[in-house]
Protein backbone atom coordinates (compact mmCIF):
# COMPACT_ATOMS: atom_id res chain seq x y z
CA MET A 1 -5.43 4.75 -62.86
CA ASN A 2 -2.94 3.40 -60.34
CA THR A 3 0.66 4.47 -60.59
CA THR A 4 3.50 2.01 -60.12
CA LYS A 5 4.12 3.41 -56.63
CA GLU A 6 0.46 3.03 -55.65
CA ILE A 7 0.49 -0.57 -56.84
CA LEU A 8 3.66 -1.24 -54.84
CA HIS A 9 2.18 0.40 -51.72
CA ALA A 10 -1.04 -1.61 -52.00
CA ALA A 11 0.86 -4.87 -52.52
CA LEU A 12 3.12 -4.23 -49.53
CA LEU A 13 0.13 -3.52 -47.29
CA LYS A 14 -1.62 -6.66 -48.54
CA ILE A 15 1.45 -8.81 -47.83
CA MET A 16 2.01 -7.26 -44.41
CA ASP A 17 -1.67 -7.70 -43.52
CA ALA A 18 -1.38 -11.40 -44.30
CA ASN A 19 1.82 -11.66 -42.20
CA ARG A 20 1.04 -9.84 -38.97
CA THR A 21 4.19 -10.80 -37.11
CA ARG A 22 5.20 -8.63 -34.18
CA PHE A 23 8.82 -8.83 -35.32
CA GLY A 24 8.02 -7.37 -38.75
CA LEU A 25 9.22 -8.26 -42.21
CA GLN A 26 12.51 -7.25 -43.78
CA ALA A 27 12.81 -5.71 -47.24
CA ALA A 28 14.43 -8.87 -48.66
CA THR A 29 11.49 -10.99 -47.48
CA LEU A 30 9.01 -8.49 -48.88
CA MET A 31 10.88 -8.45 -52.20
CA LEU A 32 10.38 -12.22 -52.54
CA GLN A 33 6.72 -11.96 -51.55
CA LEU A 34 6.18 -9.21 -54.14
CA ARG A 35 7.50 -11.48 -56.88
CA GLY A 36 4.62 -13.82 -56.03
CA GLU A 37 2.35 -10.87 -56.87
CA ALA A 38 4.23 -10.37 -60.17
CA ILE A 39 5.79 -7.14 -58.90
CA VAL A 40 9.52 -6.63 -59.26
CA ALA A 41 11.07 -4.01 -56.97
CA SER A 42 14.54 -3.53 -55.55
CA GLN A 43 15.18 -3.52 -51.82
CA ASP A 44 15.85 0.23 -52.02
CA GLU A 45 12.48 0.83 -53.71
CA ILE A 46 10.77 -1.26 -51.04
CA ILE A 47 12.49 0.63 -48.22
CA GLN A 48 11.49 3.96 -49.78
CA ALA A 49 7.90 2.76 -50.06
CA LEU A 50 7.86 1.54 -46.45
CA ASP A 51 9.37 4.80 -45.22
CA TYR A 52 6.62 6.65 -47.12
CA LEU A 53 3.86 4.44 -45.68
CA GLY A 54 5.33 4.94 -42.22
CA SER A 55 5.47 8.72 -42.59
CA ARG A 56 1.81 9.10 -43.51
CA ILE A 57 -0.56 10.58 -40.96
CA PRO A 58 -1.67 8.20 -39.54
CA PRO A 59 1.15 5.76 -40.34
CA LEU A 60 0.10 2.57 -42.12
CA VAL A 61 3.28 0.67 -41.21
CA GLU A 62 5.88 1.02 -38.47
CA GLU A 63 9.48 0.02 -38.19
CA THR A 64 10.13 -2.58 -35.51
CA ARG A 65 12.96 -1.96 -33.08
CA PRO A 66 14.90 0.58 -35.20
CA GLU A 67 17.16 1.44 -32.28
CA ILE A 68 18.69 -2.03 -32.17
CA ASN A 69 20.02 -2.64 -35.66
CA ARG A 70 19.67 -0.27 -38.62
CA GLU A 71 21.24 -2.86 -40.93
CA ASN A 72 18.38 -5.34 -40.50
CA ARG A 73 15.37 -3.06 -40.64
CA ALA A 74 11.93 -4.64 -40.42
CA TRP A 75 8.40 -3.25 -40.62
CA ARG A 76 4.93 -4.35 -39.55
CA ILE A 77 1.48 -3.12 -40.42
CA THR A 78 -0.25 -0.81 -37.93
CA ALA A 79 -3.87 -0.96 -36.79
CA GLU A 80 -4.55 1.97 -39.14
CA GLY A 81 -2.89 0.03 -41.96
CA ILE A 82 -5.18 -2.94 -41.28
CA ARG A 83 -8.22 -0.63 -41.39
CA TYR A 84 -6.94 0.85 -44.66
CA VAL A 85 -6.57 -2.61 -46.22
CA ASP A 86 -10.09 -3.55 -45.09
CA GLN A 87 -11.65 -0.28 -46.31
CA HIS A 88 -10.01 -0.49 -49.73
CA GLY A 89 -10.57 -4.20 -50.25
CA LEU A 90 -6.92 -5.03 -50.74
């Protein structure tokens, strides 16, 4: 049985896999994309989930250019995240 957090993590990876931009996606953009998957999450919940996915060993997502502007954080999927999506059929 998938928990709410696991469902959110899987949906975020699926969305990021479909949008492999080098500049990354911001939490607000991901929040709108999640609604298309019938998942409602706040920006804070999304940021927590992305921070978790980025802290895994190996990281499944990475923050893009965090040194430039902490107010407009953005994340992109890593090569390991792409492999994870493929392996789990997300």
